[in-house]
């Protein structure tokens, strides 16, 4: 049995973290924050609703920066627009989407970050 055949439920958090793609160049690896399965009133959301909210979310959590992200002084004279651990706003549908262990991740370009948000709770698409 190869390492690829190992059941993901038996892997440690450290082993799972090693499976995340490492962004290259000017790209940023982001995770889609957890989408609540219930509305504020307690009603369960349909699975299609949760999937749509994941797909269209504008809030992402920065996991890793590529080696060339924000290195172009001509394009980013004031330095990086975000750092690892920030919540950022991007356009809906931005980036290359993938699911890893049932969590959605995206790889976005460094110049698609539109804002940094200290606390994204309460932000929704308009």
N, C-alpha and C. Protein backbone atom coordinates (compact mmCIF):
# COMPACT_ATOMS: atom_id res chain seq x y z
N UNK A 1 0.85 -1.18 0.00
CA UNK A 1 0.00 0.00 0.00
C UNK A 1 0.89 1.24 0.00
N UNK A 2 0.59 2.19 -0.87
CA UNK A 2 1.38 3.41 -0.96
C UNK A 2 0.86 4.45 0.02
N UNK A 3 1.64 5.52 0.20
CA UNK A 3 1.23 6.61 1.10
C UNK A 3 -0.06 7.26 0.62
N UNK A 4 -0.31 7.25 -0.67
CA UNK A 4 -1.49 7.88 -1.24
C UNK A 4 -2.75 7.12 -0.84
N UNK A 5 -2.64 5.82 -0.57
CA UNK A 5 -3.79 5.00 -0.24
C UNK A 5 -4.23 5.13 1.22
N UNK A 6 -3.50 5.85 2.04
CA UNK A 6 -3.82 5.97 3.45
C UNK A 6 -5.13 6.73 3.62
N UNK A 7 -5.99 6.22 4.47
CA UNK A 7 -7.27 6.86 4.76
C UNK A 7 -7.02 8.22 5.42
N UNK A 8 -7.62 9.28 4.88
CA UNK A 8 -7.41 10.64 5.39
C UNK A 8 -7.87 10.80 6.83
N UNK A 9 -8.84 10.00 7.26
CA UNK A 9 -9.33 10.13 8.63
C UNK A 9 -8.30 9.65 9.64
N UNK A 10 -7.32 8.86 9.21
CA UNK A 10 -6.30 8.33 10.10
C UNK A 10 -5.04 9.19 10.12
N UNK A 11 -5.01 10.23 9.32
CA UNK A 11 -3.83 11.08 9.24
C UNK A 11 -3.87 12.16 10.31
N UNK A 12 -2.69 12.54 10.80
CA UNK A 12 -2.59 13.62 11.76
C UNK A 12 -2.77 14.96 11.05
N UNK A 13 -3.01 16.00 11.81
CA UNK A 13 -3.14 17.34 11.24
C UNK A 13 -1.87 17.74 10.51
N UNK A 14 -0.72 17.35 11.04
CA UNK A 14 0.56 17.67 10.40
C UNK A 14 0.68 16.99 9.04
N UNK A 15 0.27 15.73 8.96
CA UNK A 15 0.32 15.01 7.68
C UNK A 15 -0.62 15.64 6.66
N UNK A 16 -1.81 16.05 7.12
CA UNK A 16 -2.77 16.70 6.22
C UNK A 16 -2.24 18.03 5.73
N UNK A 17 -1.57 18.78 6.60
CA UNK A 17 -1.02 20.08 6.21
C UNK A 17 0.03 19.93 5.11
N UNK A 18 0.75 18.83 5.11
CA UNK A 18 1.77 18.60 4.08
C UNK A 18 1.14 18.38 2.71
N UNK A 19 -0.14 18.07 2.67
CA UNK A 19 -0.82 17.82 1.41
C UNK A 19 -1.31 19.10 0.75
N UNK A 20 -1.23 20.23 1.44
CA UNK A 20 -1.65 21.49 0.84
C UNK A 20 -0.68 21.88 -0.25
N UNK A 21 -1.19 22.40 -1.36
CA UNK A 21 -0.29 22.84 -2.43
C UNK A 21 0.52 24.06 -1.98
N UNK A 22 1.74 24.16 -2.43
CA UNK A 22 2.58 25.32 -2.13
C UNK A 22 2.46 26.28 -3.30
N UNK A 23 1.90 27.48 -3.06
CA UNK A 23 1.74 28.43 -4.17
C UNK A 23 3.10 28.86 -4.70
N UNK A 24 3.18 29.03 -5.98
CA UNK A 24 4.42 29.45 -6.64
C UNK A 24 4.24 30.82 -7.27
N UNK A 25 5.34 31.51 -7.43
CA UNK A 25 5.30 32.80 -8.08
C UNK A 25 4.50 33.81 -7.29
N UNK A 26 3.63 34.52 -7.97
CA UNK A 26 2.87 35.62 -7.37
C UNK A 26 1.50 35.16 -6.86
N UNK A 27 1.36 33.88 -6.59
CA UNK A 27 0.06 33.36 -6.17
C UNK A 27 -0.03 33.18 -4.66
N UNK A 28 -1.26 33.12 -4.17
CA UNK A 28 -1.55 33.01 -2.74
C UNK A 28 -2.51 31.84 -2.53
N UNK A 29 -2.19 30.97 -1.58
CA UNK A 29 -3.09 29.88 -1.21
C UNK A 29 -4.02 30.38 -0.11
N UNK A 30 -5.32 30.26 -0.33
CA UNK A 30 -6.32 30.71 0.64
C UNK A 30 -7.31 29.60 0.93
N UNK A 31 -7.88 29.65 2.12
CA UNK A 31 -8.92 28.71 2.51
C UNK A 31 -10.23 29.47 2.63
N UNK A 32 -11.30 28.83 2.17
CA UNK A 32 -12.63 29.40 2.36
C UNK A 32 -13.04 29.16 3.80
N UNK A 33 -13.40 30.20 4.54
CA UNK A 33 -13.83 30.00 5.93
C UNK A 33 -15.05 29.08 6.00
N UNK A 34 -15.24 28.48 7.15
CA UNK A 34 -16.36 27.56 7.36
C UNK A 34 -17.68 28.27 7.09
N UNK A 35 -18.51 27.64 6.30
CA UNK A 35 -19.85 28.17 6.02
C UNK A 35 -20.82 27.49 6.97
N UNK A 36 -21.57 28.28 7.72
CA UNK A 36 -22.52 27.73 8.68
C UNK A 36 -23.60 26.93 7.97
N UNK A 37 -23.98 25.81 8.56
CA UNK A 37 -25.00 24.94 7.98
C UNK A 37 -26.41 25.36 8.39
N UNK A 38 -26.51 26.34 9.30
CA UNK A 38 -27.81 26.81 9.77
C UNK A 38 -27.90 28.33 9.60
N UNK A 39 -29.11 28.78 9.40
CA UNK A 39 -29.37 30.22 9.43
C UNK A 39 -29.37 30.69 10.88
N UNK A 40 -29.32 31.99 11.11
CA UNK A 40 -29.31 32.52 12.47
C UNK A 40 -30.51 32.06 13.30
N UNK A 41 -31.64 31.87 12.66
CA UNK A 41 -32.85 31.43 13.35
C UNK A 41 -32.86 29.96 13.70
N UNK A 42 -31.86 29.20 13.23
CA UNK A 42 -31.75 27.79 13.56
C UNK A 42 -32.17 26.84 12.45
N UNK A 43 -32.78 27.35 11.38
CA UNK A 43 -33.16 26.50 10.27
C UNK A 43 -31.92 25.99 9.54
N UNK A 44 -31.97 24.71 9.14
CA UNK A 44 -30.87 24.14 8.37
C UNK A 44 -30.89 24.67 6.95
N UNK A 45 -29.71 24.94 6.42
CA UNK A 45 -29.59 25.35 5.02
C UNK A 45 -29.55 24.10 4.15
N UNK A 46 -30.09 24.22 2.96
CA UNK A 46 -29.98 23.13 1.99
C UNK A 46 -28.51 22.98 1.59
N UNK A 47 -28.10 21.78 1.24
CA UNK A 47 -26.71 21.55 0.83
C UNK A 47 -26.34 22.41 -0.37
N UNK A 48 -27.28 22.61 -1.28
CA UNK A 48 -27.00 23.46 -2.44
C UNK A 48 -26.76 24.91 -2.01
N UNK A 49 -27.43 25.35 -0.97
CA UNK A 49 -27.24 26.71 -0.46
C UNK A 49 -25.84 26.86 0.13
N UNK A 50 -25.41 25.88 0.93
CA UNK A 50 -24.06 25.91 1.51
C UNK A 50 -23.02 25.90 0.40
N UNK A 51 -23.22 25.04 -0.61
CA UNK A 51 -22.28 24.97 -1.73
C UNK A 51 -22.22 26.28 -2.49
N UNK A 52 -23.37 26.93 -2.70
CA UNK A 52 -23.39 28.21 -3.41
C UNK A 52 -22.67 29.28 -2.61
N UNK A 53 -22.86 29.28 -1.28
CA UNK A 53 -22.18 30.26 -0.44
C UNK A 53 -20.67 30.05 -0.46
N UNK A 54 -20.21 28.80 -0.49
CA UNK A 54 -18.77 28.53 -0.63
C UNK A 54 -18.25 29.04 -1.96
N UNK A 55 -19.00 28.78 -3.02
CA UNK A 55 -18.59 29.16 -4.37
C UNK A 55 -18.50 30.67 -4.54
N UNK A 56 -19.46 31.39 -3.97
CA UNK A 56 -19.54 32.83 -4.21
C UNK A 56 -18.91 33.69 -3.11
N UNK A 57 -18.34 33.06 -2.09
CA UNK A 57 -17.79 33.84 -0.99
C UNK A 57 -16.73 34.83 -1.47
N UNK A 58 -16.69 35.94 -0.81
CA UNK A 58 -15.69 36.97 -1.12
C UNK A 58 -14.62 37.03 -0.04
N UNK A 59 -14.82 36.30 1.06
CA UNK A 59 -13.87 36.30 2.17
C UNK A 59 -13.03 35.03 2.11
N UNK A 60 -11.72 35.20 2.17
CA UNK A 60 -10.79 34.07 2.17
C UNK A 60 -9.77 34.26 3.29
N UNK A 61 -9.23 33.14 3.78
CA UNK A 61 -8.19 33.15 4.80
C UNK A 61 -6.86 32.82 4.15
N UNK A 62 -5.86 33.67 4.30
CA UNK A 62 -4.56 33.48 3.65
C UNK A 62 -3.76 32.41 4.39
N UNK A 63 -3.45 31.34 3.68
CA UNK A 63 -2.68 30.23 4.26
C UNK A 63 -1.19 30.33 3.94
N UNK A 64 -0.88 30.73 2.71
CA UNK A 64 0.53 30.74 2.28
C UNK A 64 0.69 31.68 1.10
N UNK A 65 1.82 32.38 1.07
CA UNK A 65 2.16 33.27 -0.04
C UNK A 65 3.21 32.60 -0.92
N UNK A 66 3.08 32.78 -2.22
CA UNK A 66 4.10 32.29 -3.15
C UNK A 66 5.39 33.07 -2.99
N UNK A 67 6.47 32.52 -3.51
CA UNK A 67 7.80 33.11 -3.33
C UNK A 67 7.95 34.49 -3.99
N UNK A 68 7.13 34.80 -4.98
CA UNK A 68 7.23 36.10 -5.65
C UNK A 68 6.06 37.03 -5.33
N UNK A 69 5.17 36.60 -4.46
CA UNK A 69 4.01 37.44 -4.13
C UNK A 69 4.47 38.76 -3.51
N UNK A 70 4.00 39.84 -4.08
CA UNK A 70 4.28 41.21 -3.63
C UNK A 70 5.75 41.60 -3.69
N UNK A 71 6.56 40.92 -4.48
CA UNK A 71 7.98 41.25 -4.59
C UNK A 71 8.25 42.33 -5.64
N UNK A 72 7.30 42.59 -6.53
CA UNK A 72 7.48 43.58 -7.59
C UNK A 72 7.25 44.98 -7.01
N UNK A 73 8.33 45.69 -6.75
CA UNK A 73 8.25 47.02 -6.12
C UNK A 73 7.52 48.03 -6.99
N UNK A 74 7.55 47.84 -8.31
CA UNK A 74 6.84 48.76 -9.19
C UNK A 74 5.33 48.61 -9.05
N UNK A 75 4.86 47.40 -8.86
CA UNK A 75 3.42 47.14 -8.72
C UNK A 75 2.94 47.33 -7.29
N UNK A 76 3.81 47.08 -6.32
CA UNK A 76 3.44 47.15 -4.91
C UNK A 76 4.44 48.04 -4.17
N UNK A 77 4.47 49.35 -4.49
CA UNK A 77 5.46 50.24 -3.89
C UNK A 77 5.33 50.38 -2.37
N UNK A 78 4.16 50.10 -1.84
CA UNK A 78 3.94 50.20 -0.39
C UNK A 78 4.08 48.86 0.31
N UNK A 79 4.52 47.85 -0.39
CA UNK A 79 4.71 46.53 0.20
C UNK A 79 3.51 45.63 0.03
N UNK A 80 3.52 44.49 0.71
CA UNK A 80 2.45 43.50 0.56
C UNK A 80 1.09 44.03 0.98
N UNK A 81 0.06 43.57 0.29
CA UNK A 81 -1.31 43.96 0.62
C UNK A 81 -1.88 43.09 1.72
N UNK A 82 -1.29 41.90 1.93
CA UNK A 82 -1.76 41.01 2.99
C UNK A 82 -0.62 40.10 3.42
N UNK A 83 -0.86 39.33 4.48
CA UNK A 83 0.14 38.38 4.97
C UNK A 83 -0.55 37.10 5.40
N UNK A 84 0.23 36.08 5.65
CA UNK A 84 -0.29 34.80 6.11
C UNK A 84 -1.08 35.04 7.40
N UNK A 85 -2.29 34.48 7.47
CA UNK A 85 -3.13 34.64 8.65
C UNK A 85 -4.18 35.73 8.52
N UNK A 86 -4.14 36.51 7.44
CA UNK A 86 -5.14 37.57 7.23
C UNK A 86 -6.40 37.00 6.60
N UNK A 87 -7.53 37.66 6.86
CA UNK A 87 -8.75 37.45 6.10
C UNK A 87 -8.75 38.54 5.04
N UNK A 88 -9.00 38.15 3.79
CA UNK A 88 -8.99 39.11 2.70
C UNK A 88 -10.31 39.05 1.93
N UNK A 89 -10.61 40.14 1.25
CA UNK A 89 -11.75 40.20 0.35
C UNK A 89 -11.26 40.12 -1.07
N UNK A 90 -11.92 39.30 -1.87
CA UNK A 90 -11.66 39.19 -3.30
C UNK A 90 -13.01 39.19 -4.00
N UNK A 91 -12.98 39.11 -5.30
CA UNK A 91 -14.24 39.00 -6.04
C UNK A 91 -14.79 37.58 -5.91
N UNK A 92 -16.09 37.46 -6.00
CA UNK A 92 -16.71 36.13 -6.01
C UNK A 92 -16.13 35.33 -7.18
N UNK A 93 -15.99 34.05 -6.98
CA UNK A 93 -15.49 33.10 -7.99
C UNK A 93 -14.00 33.26 -8.29
N UNK A 94 -13.28 34.08 -7.54
CA UNK A 94 -11.86 34.32 -7.82
C UNK A 94 -11.03 33.07 -7.56
N UNK A 95 -10.03 32.87 -8.40
CA UNK A 95 -9.03 31.85 -8.15
C UNK A 95 -9.32 30.47 -8.68
N UNK A 96 -8.33 29.61 -8.47
CA UNK A 96 -8.42 28.20 -8.83
C UNK A 96 -8.95 27.46 -7.61
N UNK A 97 -10.08 26.81 -7.75
CA UNK A 97 -10.75 26.16 -6.63
C UNK A 97 -10.35 24.70 -6.52
N UNK A 98 -10.25 24.21 -5.26
CA UNK A 98 -10.00 22.79 -5.01
C UNK A 98 -10.52 22.44 -3.63
N UNK A 99 -10.84 21.19 -3.43
CA UNK A 99 -11.24 20.71 -2.10
C UNK A 99 -10.17 19.75 -1.62
N UNK A 100 -9.77 19.93 -0.37
CA UNK A 100 -8.79 19.06 0.27
C UNK A 100 -9.38 18.68 1.62
N UNK A 101 -9.61 17.39 1.82
CA UNK A 101 -10.22 16.89 3.06
C UNK A 101 -11.49 17.66 3.39
N UNK A 102 -12.36 17.80 2.38
CA UNK A 102 -13.67 18.44 2.51
C UNK A 102 -13.63 19.93 2.85
N UNK A 103 -12.48 20.58 2.70
CA UNK A 103 -12.38 22.03 2.88
C UNK A 103 -12.03 22.64 1.54
N UNK A 104 -12.68 23.77 1.22
CA UNK A 104 -12.40 24.42 -0.06
C UNK A 104 -11.23 25.38 0.10
N UNK A 105 -10.31 25.30 -0.86
CA UNK A 105 -9.16 26.18 -0.95
C UNK A 105 -9.19 26.85 -2.32
N UNK A 106 -8.51 27.98 -2.40
CA UNK A 106 -8.35 28.67 -3.68
C UNK A 106 -6.93 29.19 -3.79
N UNK A 107 -6.45 29.20 -5.00
CA UNK A 107 -5.17 29.85 -5.30
C UNK A 107 -5.51 31.09 -6.11
N UNK A 108 -5.17 32.26 -5.56
CA UNK A 108 -5.48 33.53 -6.20
C UNK A 108 -4.19 34.27 -6.54
N UNK A 109 -4.27 35.24 -7.42
CA UNK A 109 -3.14 36.10 -7.74
C UNK A 109 -3.01 37.18 -6.67
N UNK A 110 -1.79 37.62 -6.42
CA UNK A 110 -1.56 38.61 -5.36
C UNK A 110 -2.32 39.91 -5.60
N UNK A 111 -2.54 40.29 -6.85
CA UNK A 111 -3.21 41.56 -7.12
C UNK A 111 -4.74 41.46 -7.10
N UNK A 112 -5.29 40.28 -6.77
CA UNK A 112 -6.75 40.16 -6.67
C UNK A 112 -7.26 40.45 -5.26
N UNK A 113 -6.35 40.65 -4.32
CA UNK A 113 -6.76 41.02 -2.96
C UNK A 113 -7.25 42.46 -3.00
N UNK A 114 -8.48 42.66 -2.55
CA UNK A 114 -9.06 43.99 -2.59
C UNK A 114 -9.06 44.68 -1.23
N UNK A 115 -9.04 43.90 -0.15
CA UNK A 115 -9.04 44.48 1.19
C UNK A 115 -8.65 43.41 2.21
N UNK A 116 -8.17 43.86 3.35
CA UNK A 116 -7.92 42.97 4.48
C UNK A 116 -9.01 43.27 5.51
N UNK A 117 -9.56 42.22 6.09
CA UNK A 117 -10.65 42.35 7.04
C UNK A 117 -10.21 41.77 8.37
N UNK A 118 -10.30 42.57 9.43
CA UNK A 118 -9.88 42.08 10.74
C UNK A 118 -10.83 40.99 11.26
N UNK A 119 -12.15 41.21 11.13
CA UNK A 119 -13.14 40.25 11.61
C UNK A 119 -14.21 40.09 10.55
N UNK A 120 -14.18 39.00 9.78
CA UNK A 120 -15.10 38.86 8.66
C UNK A 120 -16.50 38.38 9.05
N UNK A 121 -16.73 38.08 10.33
CA UNK A 121 -18.07 37.63 10.72
C UNK A 121 -19.09 38.72 10.42
N UNK A 122 -20.17 38.30 9.87
CA UNK A 122 -21.22 39.26 9.52
C UNK A 122 -21.15 39.76 8.10
N UNK A 123 -20.03 39.57 7.41
CA UNK A 123 -19.94 39.99 6.01
C UNK A 123 -20.67 38.98 5.15
N UNK A 124 -21.53 39.48 4.26
CA UNK A 124 -22.22 38.62 3.32
C UNK A 124 -22.20 39.27 1.95
N UNK A 125 -22.46 38.47 0.93
CA UNK A 125 -22.55 39.01 -0.42
C UNK A 125 -23.78 39.90 -0.52
N UNK A 126 -23.66 40.98 -1.26
CA UNK A 126 -24.79 41.90 -1.43
C UNK A 126 -25.63 41.47 -2.60
